[in-house]
Amino acid sequence: MMRTMPDLAGTEKHIMKIHPAVEQFDHAPDSALVSLATACTIADQSRATMYRHHKAGRLPFVKLNKSTRIRVGDLRRLIGAAK
């Protein structure tokens, strides 16, 4: 979904395209899974930082075949601990 924001002249200015998982994050159940890329966007952290959190035991990963997923509840705890 493309978000728009009015600029000072009153015309709409496109801000950025937001992934649906990011928009629905507040309403998703704790057991829902998001991709590593989506988790990075939500937490505003790099992929390398997410792997550091995982290695330190602060962020468990769920492996599905070759993809890495993160539970929404675990991501919420990580974000809440950072505040």
N, C-alpha and C. Protein backbone atom coordinates (compact mmCIF):
# COMPACT_ATOMS: atom_id res chain seq x y z
N MET A 1 0.84 -1.17 0.00
CA MET A 1 0.00 0.00 0.00
C MET A 1 0.89 1.24 0.00
N MET A 2 0.55 2.20 -0.80
CA MET A 2 1.33 3.43 -0.89
C MET A 2 0.74 4.44 0.08
N ARG A 3 1.54 4.94 0.98
CA ARG A 3 1.11 5.96 1.92
C ARG A 3 1.32 7.33 1.27
N THR A 4 0.41 8.23 1.55
CA THR A 4 0.58 9.60 1.07
C THR A 4 0.49 10.54 2.25
N MET A 5 1.10 11.69 2.08
CA MET A 5 1.09 12.70 3.13
C MET A 5 1.01 14.06 2.47
N PRO A 6 0.12 14.93 2.93
CA PRO A 6 0.05 16.24 2.31
C PRO A 6 1.31 17.05 2.62
N ASP A 7 1.83 17.74 1.61
CA ASP A 7 2.98 18.60 1.87
C ASP A 7 2.47 19.99 2.25
N LEU A 8 3.35 20.94 2.41
CA LEU A 8 2.96 22.28 2.86
C LEU A 8 2.03 22.98 1.89
N ALA A 9 2.10 22.66 0.61
CA ALA A 9 1.23 23.29 -0.39
C ALA A 9 -0.14 22.63 -0.43
N GLY A 10 -0.34 21.58 0.34
CA GLY A 10 -1.63 20.91 0.36
C GLY A 10 -1.77 19.78 -0.63
N THR A 11 -0.76 19.56 -1.47
CA THR A 11 -0.81 18.46 -2.42
C THR A 11 -0.27 17.20 -1.75
N GLU A 12 -0.71 16.06 -2.22
CA GLU A 12 -0.25 14.81 -1.62
C GLU A 12 1.12 14.43 -2.15
N LYS A 13 1.94 13.94 -1.27
CA LYS A 13 3.29 13.53 -1.60
C LYS A 13 3.44 12.06 -1.19
N HIS A 14 3.93 11.23 -2.10
CA HIS A 14 4.10 9.82 -1.78
C HIS A 14 5.29 9.65 -0.85
N ILE A 15 5.07 8.90 0.20
CA ILE A 15 6.11 8.70 1.21
C ILE A 15 6.88 7.41 0.95
N MET A 16 6.22 6.27 1.03
CA MET A 16 6.88 5.00 0.82
C MET A 16 5.85 3.89 0.71
N LYS A 17 6.26 2.80 0.14
CA LYS A 17 5.39 1.64 0.06
C LYS A 17 5.63 0.80 1.31
N ILE A 18 4.56 0.45 2.01
CA ILE A 18 4.66 -0.28 3.26
C ILE A 18 4.13 -1.69 3.06
N HIS A 19 4.91 -2.65 3.47
CA HIS A 19 4.52 -4.06 3.36
C HIS A 19 3.30 -4.30 4.25
N PRO A 20 2.32 -5.10 3.78
CA PRO A 20 1.12 -5.36 4.57
C PRO A 20 1.42 -5.93 5.96
N ALA A 21 2.47 -6.75 6.09
CA ALA A 21 2.81 -7.31 7.40
C ALA A 21 3.21 -6.22 8.39
N VAL A 22 3.82 -5.17 7.88
CA VAL A 22 4.22 -4.05 8.74
C VAL A 22 2.97 -3.31 9.21
N GLU A 23 2.03 -3.08 8.29
CA GLU A 23 0.79 -2.38 8.65
C GLU A 23 -0.04 -3.18 9.66
N GLN A 24 -0.01 -4.49 9.57
CA GLN A 24 -0.84 -5.34 10.42
C GLN A 24 -0.13 -5.79 11.70
N PHE A 25 1.09 -5.33 11.92
CA PHE A 25 1.90 -5.80 13.04
C PHE A 25 1.19 -5.61 14.39
N ASP A 26 0.57 -4.47 14.60
CA ASP A 26 -0.09 -4.20 15.89
C ASP A 26 -1.26 -5.13 16.16
N HIS A 27 -1.86 -5.66 15.10
CA HIS A 27 -3.05 -6.50 15.26
C HIS A 27 -2.74 -7.99 15.12
N ALA A 28 -1.53 -8.33 14.77
CA ALA A 28 -1.17 -9.74 14.55
C ALA A 28 -1.03 -10.46 15.90
N PRO A 29 -1.42 -11.74 15.94
CA PRO A 29 -1.23 -12.50 17.18
C PRO A 29 0.26 -12.75 17.43
N ASP A 30 0.62 -12.94 18.68
CA ASP A 30 2.02 -13.18 19.04
C ASP A 30 2.60 -14.39 18.33
N SER A 31 1.77 -15.35 17.98
CA SER A 31 2.25 -16.58 17.35
C SER A 31 2.48 -16.43 15.84
N ALA A 32 2.05 -15.32 15.25
CA ALA A 32 2.23 -15.11 13.81
C ALA A 32 3.72 -15.00 13.49
N LEU A 33 4.08 -15.41 12.28
CA LEU A 33 5.47 -15.36 11.83
C LEU A 33 5.65 -14.28 10.77
N VAL A 34 6.76 -13.57 10.85
CA VAL A 34 7.12 -12.60 9.82
C VAL A 34 8.51 -12.94 9.30
N SER A 35 8.79 -12.52 8.09
CA SER A 35 10.10 -12.78 7.51
C SER A 35 11.15 -11.93 8.21
N LEU A 36 12.39 -12.31 8.03
CA LEU A 36 13.49 -11.56 8.62
C LEU A 36 13.52 -10.14 8.06
N ALA A 37 13.26 -9.99 6.77
CA ALA A 37 13.25 -8.67 6.14
C ALA A 37 12.17 -7.78 6.74
N THR A 38 10.99 -8.35 6.95
CA THR A 38 9.89 -7.59 7.55
C THR A 38 10.23 -7.21 8.99
N ALA A 39 10.81 -8.15 9.73
CA ALA A 39 11.20 -7.88 11.11
C ALA A 39 12.23 -6.75 11.17
N CYS A 40 13.16 -6.73 10.22
CA CYS A 40 14.16 -5.66 10.16
C CYS A 40 13.48 -4.31 9.95
N THR A 41 12.49 -4.27 9.07
CA THR A 41 11.76 -3.04 8.80
C THR A 41 11.00 -2.58 10.03
N ILE A 42 10.30 -3.50 10.68
CA ILE A 42 9.50 -3.16 11.86
C ILE A 42 10.39 -2.65 12.99
N ALA A 43 11.50 -3.34 13.23
CA ALA A 43 12.40 -2.98 14.33
C ALA A 43 13.36 -1.86 13.96
N ASP A 44 13.39 -1.48 12.68
CA ASP A 44 14.31 -0.46 12.18
C ASP A 44 15.75 -0.82 12.53
N GLN A 45 16.09 -2.08 12.26
CA GLN A 45 17.44 -2.58 12.50
C GLN A 45 17.91 -3.37 11.29
N SER A 46 19.21 -3.46 11.14
CA SER A 46 19.76 -4.17 10.00
C SER A 46 19.65 -5.68 10.19
N ARG A 47 19.82 -6.38 9.10
CA ARG A 47 19.82 -7.85 9.12
C ARG A 47 20.94 -8.37 10.04
N ALA A 48 22.10 -7.74 9.95
CA ALA A 48 23.24 -8.15 10.80
C ALA A 48 22.91 -7.96 12.28
N THR A 49 22.26 -6.87 12.62
CA THR A 49 21.88 -6.63 14.01
C THR A 49 20.89 -7.67 14.49
N MET A 50 19.94 -8.05 13.62
CA MET A 50 18.97 -9.08 14.00
C MET A 50 19.69 -10.41 14.27
N TYR A 51 20.68 -10.73 13.46
CA TYR A 51 21.45 -11.95 13.70
C TYR A 51 22.26 -11.84 14.99
N ARG A 52 22.75 -10.65 15.35
CA ARG A 52 23.44 -10.47 16.62
C ARG A 52 22.49 -10.69 17.79
N HIS A 53 21.26 -10.19 17.67
CA HIS A 53 20.25 -10.43 18.72
C HIS A 53 19.99 -11.93 18.86
N HIS A 54 19.92 -12.61 17.73
CA HIS A 54 19.68 -14.06 17.74
C HIS A 54 20.85 -14.79 18.43
N LYS A 55 22.05 -14.45 18.05
CA LYS A 55 23.24 -15.10 18.61
C LYS A 55 23.35 -14.86 20.11
N ALA A 56 22.92 -13.67 20.56
CA ALA A 56 22.96 -13.33 21.99
C ALA A 56 21.81 -13.96 22.77
N GLY A 57 20.87 -14.62 22.06
CA GLY A 57 19.75 -15.27 22.72
C GLY A 57 18.56 -14.37 22.97
N ARG A 58 18.58 -13.17 22.42
CA ARG A 58 17.47 -12.23 22.63
C ARG A 58 16.34 -12.40 21.61
N LEU A 59 16.61 -13.09 20.50
CA LEU A 59 15.62 -13.20 19.43
C LEU A 59 15.66 -14.59 18.81
N PRO A 60 14.73 -15.46 19.19
CA PRO A 60 14.71 -16.79 18.58
C PRO A 60 14.23 -16.74 17.13
N PHE A 61 14.83 -17.56 16.30
CA PHE A 61 14.43 -17.69 14.90
C PHE A 61 13.64 -18.98 14.74
N VAL A 62 12.74 -18.98 13.77
CA VAL A 62 12.00 -20.18 13.37
C VAL A 62 12.44 -20.46 11.93
N LYS A 63 13.01 -21.62 11.71
CA LYS A 63 13.45 -22.00 10.37
C LYS A 63 12.34 -22.80 9.69
N LEU A 64 11.93 -22.35 8.51
CA LEU A 64 10.96 -23.05 7.68
C LEU A 64 11.65 -23.35 6.37
N ASN A 65 12.04 -24.60 6.21
CA ASN A 65 12.87 -24.99 5.07
C ASN A 65 14.11 -24.11 5.06
N LYS A 66 14.27 -23.29 4.04
CA LYS A 66 15.46 -22.44 3.96
C LYS A 66 15.19 -21.00 4.41
N SER A 67 13.97 -20.72 4.80
CA SER A 67 13.66 -19.34 5.18
C SER A 67 13.69 -19.17 6.70
N THR A 68 14.01 -17.97 7.12
CA THR A 68 14.07 -17.62 8.53
C THR A 68 12.88 -16.74 8.85
N ARG A 69 12.14 -17.13 9.87
CA ARG A 69 10.98 -16.36 10.32
C ARG A 69 11.14 -16.00 11.78
N ILE A 70 10.41 -14.98 12.20
CA ILE A 70 10.45 -14.52 13.58
C ILE A 70 9.02 -14.39 14.08
N ARG A 71 8.77 -14.90 15.29
CA ARG A 71 7.44 -14.77 15.89
C ARG A 71 7.20 -13.31 16.26
N VAL A 72 5.99 -12.86 16.00
CA VAL A 72 5.62 -11.47 16.28
C VAL A 72 5.81 -11.17 17.77
N GLY A 73 5.45 -12.09 18.64
CA GLY A 73 5.60 -11.87 20.08
C GLY A 73 7.06 -11.68 20.48
N ASP A 74 7.96 -12.46 19.88
CA ASP A 74 9.39 -12.31 20.18
C ASP A 74 9.91 -10.96 19.69
N LEU A 75 9.43 -10.53 18.53
CA LEU A 75 9.84 -9.25 17.99
C LEU A 75 9.30 -8.10 18.86
N ARG A 76 8.07 -8.23 19.32
CA ARG A 76 7.51 -7.21 20.22
C ARG A 76 8.33 -7.10 21.50
N ARG A 77 8.75 -8.25 22.07
CA ARG A 77 9.57 -8.23 23.28
C ARG A 77 10.91 -7.54 23.02
N LEU A 78 11.52 -7.82 21.86
CA LEU A 78 12.79 -7.19 21.52
C LEU A 78 12.63 -5.68 21.39
N ILE A 79 11.58 -5.26 20.70
CA ILE A 79 11.34 -3.83 20.52
C ILE A 79 11.04 -3.16 21.86
N GLY A 80 10.24 -3.83 22.68
CA GLY A 80 9.89 -3.28 23.99
C GLY A 80 11.09 -3.17 24.91
N ALA A 81 12.02 -4.11 24.81
CA ALA A 81 13.23 -4.07 25.63
C ALA A 81 14.16 -2.96 25.20
N ALA A 82 14.07 -2.55 23.94
CA ALA A 82 14.94 -1.51 23.42
C ALA A 82 14.45 -0.11 23.79
N LYS A 83 13.19 0.01 24.21
CA LYS A 83 12.63 1.33 24.52
C LYS A 83 13.07 1.82 25.87
